[in-house]
Amino acid sequence: MLRLPSGRLVRGRGLRRPLPEGPEPEFGLYLLGHEPPAMPWESRWLRWPDFRLPADREAARAALREAWERARTERVEVACGGGRGRTGTALACLAVLDGMPRRDAVGYVREHYTRGAVETPWQRRFVTRFA
């Protein structure tokens, strides 16, 4: 679980692992190169191949903004296959939307979510250019 600077909570996870204990999300954003399995809660799929960037950057901005807005009042999760690279990149973008300076967002997510978040140089660059 990542607490954004505003206090909003977003759960990051890897879909290859079992669903964690606790309340189910009310909304999920899934970052995969292929369509994810159906979830019992409302969800959105963003085509985002492993170790890469989103296939459609405008769709990514819209999906991330929706997740950030919904996290104000709903339980939100962001997930990819392993829960580190794409998920970490998305969480860093949510931190930017939350008011964090772009240059600090990756470090924040690595400190408060997982050290291995945001795996590639292009994912880091995506965060520093995210608006």
N, C-alpha and C. Protein backbone atom coordinates (compact mmCIF):
# COMPACT_ATOMS: atom_id res chain seq x y z
N MET A 1 0.85 -1.17 0.00
CA MET A 1 0.00 0.00 0.00
C MET A 1 0.90 1.23 0.00
N LEU A 2 0.60 2.16 -0.88
CA LEU A 2 1.36 3.40 -0.93
C LEU A 2 0.46 4.54 -0.48
N ARG A 3 0.94 5.31 0.48
CA ARG A 3 0.25 6.52 0.91
C ARG A 3 0.87 7.68 0.15
N LEU A 4 0.06 8.33 -0.69
CA LEU A 4 0.53 9.49 -1.43
C LEU A 4 0.66 10.67 -0.47
N PRO A 5 1.40 11.70 -0.86
CA PRO A 5 1.59 12.84 0.04
C PRO A 5 0.29 13.44 0.59
N SER A 6 -0.79 13.39 -0.18
CA SER A 6 -2.07 13.94 0.28
C SER A 6 -2.78 13.04 1.27
N GLY A 7 -2.28 11.80 1.44
CA GLY A 7 -2.93 10.84 2.31
C GLY A 7 -3.75 9.80 1.56
N ARG A 8 -3.96 9.99 0.26
CA ARG A 8 -4.68 9.00 -0.53
C ARG A 8 -3.88 7.69 -0.51
N LEU A 9 -4.60 6.58 -0.44
CA LEU A 9 -3.96 5.27 -0.43
C LEU A 9 -4.22 4.57 -1.76
N VAL A 10 -3.19 3.94 -2.29
CA VAL A 10 -3.30 3.15 -3.52
C VAL A 10 -2.51 1.87 -3.28
N ARG A 11 -3.15 0.74 -3.55
CA ARG A 11 -2.46 -0.54 -3.40
C ARG A 11 -1.81 -0.91 -4.73
N GLY A 12 -0.52 -1.15 -4.68
CA GLY A 12 0.19 -1.69 -5.83
C GLY A 12 0.38 -3.18 -5.60
N ARG A 13 0.35 -3.95 -6.67
CA ARG A 13 0.58 -5.39 -6.51
C ARG A 13 0.94 -6.03 -7.83
N GLY A 14 1.44 -7.25 -7.74
CA GLY A 14 1.72 -8.07 -8.91
C GLY A 14 0.60 -9.07 -9.10
N LEU A 15 0.09 -9.17 -10.29
CA LEU A 15 -1.02 -10.09 -10.56
C LEU A 15 -0.59 -11.55 -10.56
N ARG A 16 0.70 -11.82 -10.62
CA ARG A 16 1.17 -13.21 -10.56
C ARG A 16 1.17 -13.74 -9.13
N ARG A 17 0.90 -12.87 -8.17
CA ARG A 17 0.82 -13.29 -6.77
C ARG A 17 -0.64 -13.38 -6.35
N PRO A 18 -0.93 -14.12 -5.30
CA PRO A 18 -2.32 -14.20 -4.83
C PRO A 18 -2.83 -12.84 -4.36
N LEU A 19 -4.12 -12.68 -4.41
CA LEU A 19 -4.76 -11.46 -3.92
C LEU A 19 -4.44 -11.30 -2.44
N PRO A 20 -3.93 -10.12 -2.04
CA PRO A 20 -3.60 -9.95 -0.62
C PRO A 20 -4.85 -9.93 0.25
N GLU A 21 -4.64 -10.21 1.53
CA GLU A 21 -5.75 -10.15 2.48
C GLU A 21 -6.19 -8.71 2.65
N GLY A 22 -7.40 -8.55 3.12
CA GLY A 22 -7.94 -7.21 3.35
C GLY A 22 -9.07 -6.92 2.40
N PRO A 23 -9.60 -5.72 2.49
CA PRO A 23 -10.74 -5.37 1.64
C PRO A 23 -10.37 -5.39 0.16
N GLU A 24 -11.31 -5.80 -0.65
CA GLU A 24 -11.09 -5.78 -2.10
C GLU A 24 -11.13 -4.35 -2.60
N PRO A 25 -10.43 -4.10 -3.69
CA PRO A 25 -10.51 -2.75 -4.26
C PRO A 25 -11.90 -2.48 -4.83
N GLU A 26 -12.20 -1.22 -4.97
CA GLU A 26 -13.43 -0.82 -5.65
C GLU A 26 -13.15 -0.49 -7.10
N PHE A 27 -11.87 -0.23 -7.39
CA PHE A 27 -11.43 0.09 -8.75
C PHE A 27 -10.01 -0.41 -8.92
N GLY A 28 -9.73 -1.01 -10.07
CA GLY A 28 -8.38 -1.47 -10.37
C GLY A 28 -7.93 -0.96 -11.72
N LEU A 29 -6.67 -0.59 -11.81
CA LEU A 29 -6.04 -0.21 -13.07
C LEU A 29 -4.97 -1.24 -13.35
N TYR A 30 -5.11 -1.95 -14.47
CA TYR A 30 -4.24 -3.08 -14.79
C TYR A 30 -3.38 -2.75 -16.00
N LEU A 31 -2.07 -2.88 -15.82
CA LEU A 31 -1.05 -2.45 -16.77
C LEU A 31 -0.39 -3.68 -17.36
N LEU A 32 -0.93 -4.17 -18.45
CA LEU A 32 -0.45 -5.41 -19.06
C LEU A 32 -0.40 -5.28 -20.57
N GLY A 33 0.43 -6.14 -21.19
CA GLY A 33 0.49 -6.18 -22.64
C GLY A 33 -0.69 -6.91 -23.27
N HIS A 34 -1.46 -7.60 -22.45
CA HIS A 34 -2.63 -8.36 -22.91
C HIS A 34 -3.79 -8.08 -21.97
N GLU A 35 -4.97 -8.32 -22.41
CA GLU A 35 -6.14 -8.05 -21.58
C GLU A 35 -6.12 -8.92 -20.33
N PRO A 36 -6.36 -8.32 -19.16
CA PRO A 36 -6.32 -9.10 -17.91
C PRO A 36 -7.58 -9.92 -17.73
N PRO A 37 -7.53 -10.87 -16.81
CA PRO A 37 -8.75 -11.62 -16.50
C PRO A 37 -9.79 -10.68 -15.88
N ALA A 38 -11.04 -11.08 -15.96
CA ALA A 38 -12.11 -10.28 -15.37
C ALA A 38 -11.94 -10.22 -13.86
N MET A 39 -12.23 -9.07 -13.30
CA MET A 39 -12.16 -8.87 -11.85
C MET A 39 -13.58 -8.65 -11.33
N PRO A 40 -13.83 -8.97 -10.07
CA PRO A 40 -15.17 -8.78 -9.52
C PRO A 40 -15.46 -7.33 -9.13
N TRP A 41 -14.55 -6.41 -9.40
CA TRP A 41 -14.74 -4.98 -9.14
C TRP A 41 -14.52 -4.22 -10.43
N GLU A 42 -14.89 -2.98 -10.44
CA GLU A 42 -14.72 -2.15 -11.63
C GLU A 42 -13.24 -2.02 -11.94
N SER A 43 -12.90 -2.12 -13.21
CA SER A 43 -11.48 -2.05 -13.57
C SER A 43 -11.31 -1.44 -14.96
N ARG A 44 -10.06 -1.09 -15.20
CA ARG A 44 -9.67 -0.53 -16.50
C ARG A 44 -8.34 -1.16 -16.88
N TRP A 45 -8.20 -1.49 -18.15
CA TRP A 45 -6.97 -2.08 -18.67
C TRP A 45 -6.24 -1.05 -19.51
N LEU A 46 -4.97 -0.92 -19.25
CA LEU A 46 -4.10 -0.05 -20.03
C LEU A 46 -3.05 -0.95 -20.68
N ARG A 47 -3.00 -0.94 -22.01
CA ARG A 47 -2.00 -1.77 -22.71
C ARG A 47 -0.61 -1.20 -22.42
N TRP A 48 0.16 -2.01 -21.68
CA TRP A 48 1.49 -1.57 -21.25
C TRP A 48 2.37 -2.81 -21.17
N PRO A 49 3.11 -3.12 -22.24
CA PRO A 49 3.96 -4.32 -22.25
C PRO A 49 5.05 -4.26 -21.17
N ASP A 50 5.45 -5.42 -20.70
CA ASP A 50 6.46 -5.55 -19.66
C ASP A 50 7.76 -4.85 -20.07
N PHE A 51 8.37 -4.11 -19.14
CA PHE A 51 9.61 -3.38 -19.30
C PHE A 51 9.52 -2.23 -20.31
N ARG A 52 8.35 -1.88 -20.72
CA ARG A 52 8.16 -0.83 -21.72
C ARG A 52 7.37 0.33 -21.13
N LEU A 53 6.81 1.13 -22.05
CA LEU A 53 5.95 2.25 -21.69
C LEU A 53 4.55 1.99 -22.22
N PRO A 54 3.56 2.74 -21.75
CA PRO A 54 2.19 2.54 -22.25
C PRO A 54 2.13 2.70 -23.77
N ALA A 55 1.33 1.86 -24.40
CA ALA A 55 1.17 1.93 -25.85
C ALA A 55 0.54 3.25 -26.28
N ASP A 56 -0.34 3.80 -25.48
CA ASP A 56 -1.03 5.05 -25.78
C ASP A 56 -0.82 5.99 -24.59
N ARG A 57 0.04 6.97 -24.75
CA ARG A 57 0.40 7.85 -23.64
C ARG A 57 -0.77 8.71 -23.17
N GLU A 58 -1.63 9.14 -24.08
CA GLU A 58 -2.80 9.93 -23.69
C GLU A 58 -3.78 9.07 -22.88
N ALA A 59 -3.98 7.84 -23.32
CA ALA A 59 -4.84 6.93 -22.55
C ALA A 59 -4.25 6.67 -21.18
N ALA A 60 -2.92 6.59 -21.10
CA ALA A 60 -2.26 6.38 -19.81
C ALA A 60 -2.51 7.57 -18.89
N ARG A 61 -2.36 8.78 -19.40
CA ARG A 61 -2.61 9.96 -18.57
C ARG A 61 -4.04 9.97 -18.04
N ALA A 62 -4.99 9.65 -18.92
CA ALA A 62 -6.40 9.64 -18.51
C ALA A 62 -6.67 8.55 -17.47
N ALA A 63 -6.11 7.37 -17.67
CA ALA A 63 -6.32 6.26 -16.73
C ALA A 63 -5.69 6.56 -15.38
N LEU A 64 -4.49 7.12 -15.39
CA LEU A 64 -3.82 7.44 -14.14
C LEU A 64 -4.55 8.56 -13.41
N ARG A 65 -5.04 9.54 -14.13
CA ARG A 65 -5.81 10.62 -13.49
C ARG A 65 -7.09 10.05 -12.87
N GLU A 66 -7.75 9.13 -13.59
CA GLU A 66 -8.96 8.51 -13.03
C GLU A 66 -8.63 7.76 -11.74
N ALA A 67 -7.55 6.98 -11.75
CA ALA A 67 -7.17 6.22 -10.55
C ALA A 67 -6.87 7.18 -9.40
N TRP A 68 -6.14 8.25 -9.68
CA TRP A 68 -5.80 9.22 -8.64
C TRP A 68 -7.05 9.88 -8.08
N GLU A 69 -7.96 10.30 -8.95
CA GLU A 69 -9.19 10.94 -8.48
C GLU A 69 -10.03 9.98 -7.65
N ARG A 70 -10.14 8.74 -8.11
CA ARG A 70 -10.96 7.76 -7.38
C ARG A 70 -10.35 7.40 -6.04
N ALA A 71 -9.03 7.47 -5.92
CA ALA A 71 -8.37 7.13 -4.66
C ALA A 71 -8.73 8.09 -3.54
N ARG A 72 -9.30 9.21 -3.87
CA ARG A 72 -9.72 10.16 -2.83
C ARG A 72 -10.81 9.56 -1.96
N THR A 73 -11.72 8.75 -2.57
CA THR A 73 -12.87 8.21 -1.81
C THR A 73 -13.05 6.70 -1.95
N GLU A 74 -12.24 6.05 -2.80
CA GLU A 74 -12.41 4.62 -3.06
C GLU A 74 -11.11 3.86 -2.81
N ARG A 75 -11.24 2.54 -2.62
CA ARG A 75 -10.06 1.67 -2.54
C ARG A 75 -9.63 1.37 -3.98
N VAL A 76 -8.41 1.77 -4.30
CA VAL A 76 -7.88 1.65 -5.66
C VAL A 76 -6.64 0.78 -5.63
N GLU A 77 -6.51 -0.08 -6.64
CA GLU A 77 -5.26 -0.82 -6.81
C GLU A 77 -4.74 -0.61 -8.22
N VAL A 78 -3.43 -0.62 -8.33
CA VAL A 78 -2.72 -0.54 -9.60
C VAL A 78 -1.85 -1.78 -9.66
N ALA A 79 -1.90 -2.51 -10.76
CA ALA A 79 -1.16 -3.77 -10.81
C ALA A 79 -0.67 -4.09 -12.21
N CYS A 80 0.47 -4.76 -12.25
CA CYS A 80 1.01 -5.34 -13.48
C CYS A 80 1.37 -6.79 -13.14
N GLY A 81 2.15 -7.44 -13.96
CA GLY A 81 2.48 -8.83 -13.70
C GLY A 81 3.26 -9.03 -12.41
N GLY A 82 4.38 -8.32 -12.27
CA GLY A 82 5.23 -8.49 -11.10
C GLY A 82 5.01 -7.47 -10.00
N GLY A 83 4.39 -6.35 -10.32
CA GLY A 83 4.09 -5.33 -9.31
C GLY A 83 5.23 -4.37 -9.03
N ARG A 84 6.23 -4.29 -9.92
CA ARG A 84 7.38 -3.43 -9.64
C ARG A 84 7.59 -2.36 -10.71
N GLY A 85 7.90 -2.76 -11.93
CA GLY A 85 8.26 -1.80 -12.97
C GLY A 85 7.11 -0.92 -13.43
N ARG A 86 6.13 -1.52 -14.07
CA ARG A 86 4.98 -0.76 -14.56
C ARG A 86 4.17 -0.20 -13.41
N THR A 87 3.94 -1.02 -12.39
CA THR A 87 3.18 -0.55 -11.23
C THR A 87 3.92 0.59 -10.54
N GLY A 88 5.22 0.44 -10.32
CA GLY A 88 6.00 1.51 -9.70
C GLY A 88 5.98 2.79 -10.52
N THR A 89 6.07 2.65 -11.83
CA THR A 89 6.02 3.82 -12.71
C THR A 89 4.68 4.52 -12.58
N ALA A 90 3.60 3.74 -12.59
CA ALA A 90 2.26 4.32 -12.44
C ALA A 90 2.10 4.98 -11.08
N LEU A 91 2.60 4.35 -10.02
CA LEU A 91 2.50 4.95 -8.69
C LEU A 91 3.29 6.25 -8.61
N ALA A 92 4.45 6.30 -9.26
CA ALA A 92 5.22 7.55 -9.29
C ALA A 92 4.46 8.64 -10.03
N CYS A 93 3.77 8.27 -11.09
CA CYS A 93 2.95 9.25 -11.82
C CYS A 93 1.79 9.74 -10.94
N LEU A 94 1.21 8.84 -10.16
CA LEU A 94 0.15 9.25 -9.22
C LEU A 94 0.70 10.22 -8.19
N ALA A 95 1.94 10.00 -7.75
CA ALA A 95 2.56 10.94 -6.80
C ALA A 95 2.74 12.31 -7.45
N VAL A 96 3.08 12.34 -8.73
CA VAL A 96 3.19 13.62 -9.45
C VAL A 96 1.82 14.29 -9.50
N LEU A 97 0.79 13.54 -9.83
CA LEU A 97 -0.56 14.11 -9.84
C LEU A 97 -0.95 14.64 -8.46
N ASP A 98 -0.39 14.03 -7.43
CA ASP A 98 -0.69 14.40 -6.06
C ASP A 98 0.10 15.63 -5.60
N GLY A 99 0.93 16.17 -6.49
CA GLY A 99 1.66 17.39 -6.18
C GLY A 99 3.14 17.23 -5.92
N MET A 100 3.64 16.01 -5.99
CA MET A 100 5.07 15.79 -5.76
C MET A 100 5.86 16.25 -6.99
N PRO A 101 7.01 16.89 -6.78
CA PRO A 101 7.86 17.25 -7.92
C PRO A 101 8.25 16.00 -8.72
N ARG A 102 8.22 16.08 -10.03
CA ARG A 102 8.51 14.93 -10.88
C ARG A 102 9.87 14.33 -10.59
N ARG A 103 10.85 15.15 -10.29
CA ARG A 103 12.21 14.64 -10.03
C ARG A 103 12.30 13.81 -8.75
N ASP A 104 11.33 13.96 -7.85
CA ASP A 104 11.35 13.25 -6.57
C ASP A 104 10.43 12.02 -6.53
N ALA A 105 9.57 11.87 -7.52
CA ALA A 105 8.51 10.85 -7.45
C ALA A 105 9.05 9.43 -7.44
N VAL A 106 10.04 9.12 -8.26
CA VAL A 106 10.58 7.76 -8.30
C VAL A 106 11.20 7.40 -6.95
N GLY A 107 11.99 8.30 -6.40
CA GLY A 107 12.59 8.05 -5.09
C GLY A 107 11.55 7.85 -4.00
N TYR A 108 10.48 8.62 -4.07
CA TYR A 108 9.41 8.48 -3.09
C TYR A 108 8.78 7.09 -3.16
N VAL A 109 8.49 6.64 -4.36
CA VAL A 109 7.87 5.32 -4.53
C VAL A 109 8.84 4.22 -4.12
N ARG A 110 10.09 4.37 -4.44
CA ARG A 110 11.08 3.36 -4.02
C ARG A 110 11.22 3.31 -2.50
N GLU A 111 11.09 4.43 -1.86
CA GLU A 111 11.20 4.47 -0.40
C GLU A 111 9.94 3.95 0.29
N HIS A 112 8.77 4.25 -0.26
CA HIS A 112 7.51 3.95 0.44
C HIS A 112 6.73 2.76 -0.13
N TYR A 113 7.13 2.25 -1.30
CA TYR A 113 6.43 1.10 -1.89
C TYR A 113 7.39 -0.09 -1.98
N THR A 114 8.35 -0.03 -2.87
CA THR A 114 9.38 -1.07 -2.97
C THR A 114 10.62 -0.49 -3.64
N ARG A 115 11.77 -0.94 -3.15
CA ARG A 115 13.05 -0.45 -3.69
C ARG A 115 13.20 -0.70 -5.18
N GLY A 116 12.63 -1.77 -5.68
CA GLY A 116 12.79 -2.14 -7.08
C GLY A 116 11.80 -1.48 -8.02
N ALA A 117 11.03 -0.52 -7.54
CA ALA A 117 10.02 0.13 -8.38
C ALA A 117 10.68 0.94 -9.50
N VAL A 118 10.01 0.99 -10.62
CA VAL A 118 10.45 1.75 -11.80
C VAL A 118 11.77 1.14 -12.28
N GLU A 119 11.67 0.13 -13.13
CA GLU A 119 12.82 -0.72 -13.45
C GLU A 119 13.73 -0.23 -14.56
N THR A 120 13.24 0.56 -15.49
CA THR A 120 14.06 0.89 -16.66
C THR A 120 14.31 2.40 -16.76
N PRO A 121 15.36 2.78 -17.47
CA PRO A 121 15.63 4.22 -17.66
C PRO A 121 14.46 4.93 -18.35
N TRP A 122 13.83 4.28 -19.31
CA TRP A 122 12.71 4.94 -20.01
C TRP A 122 11.49 5.07 -19.12
N GLN A 123 11.30 4.16 -18.17
CA GLN A 123 10.21 4.32 -17.21
C GLN A 123 10.50 5.52 -16.30
N ARG A 124 11.75 5.67 -15.85
CA ARG A 124 12.11 6.84 -15.04
C ARG A 124 11.90 8.14 -15.83
N ARG A 125 12.30 8.12 -17.08
CA ARG A 125 12.11 9.31 -17.93
C ARG A 125 10.64 9.62 -18.14
N PHE A 126 9.81 8.58 -18.27
CA PHE A 126 8.36 8.78 -18.41
C PHE A 126 7.81 9.55 -17.21
N VAL A 127 8.26 9.19 -16.01
CA VAL A 127 7.80 9.87 -14.80
C VAL A 127 8.28 11.33 -14.80
N THR A 128 9.54 11.57 -15.15
CA THR A 128 10.07 12.93 -15.09
C THR A 128 9.45 13.83 -16.15
N ARG A 129 8.82 13.23 -17.16
CA ARG A 129 8.14 14.03 -18.19
C ARG A 129 6.62 13.99 -18.05
N PHE A 130 6.13 13.29 -17.04
CA PHE A 130 4.69 13.13 -16.87
C PHE A 130 4.06 14.45 -16.44
N ALA A 131 2.96 14.80 -17.09
CA ALA A 131 2.27 16.06 -16.73
C ALA A 131 0.77 15.81 -16.69
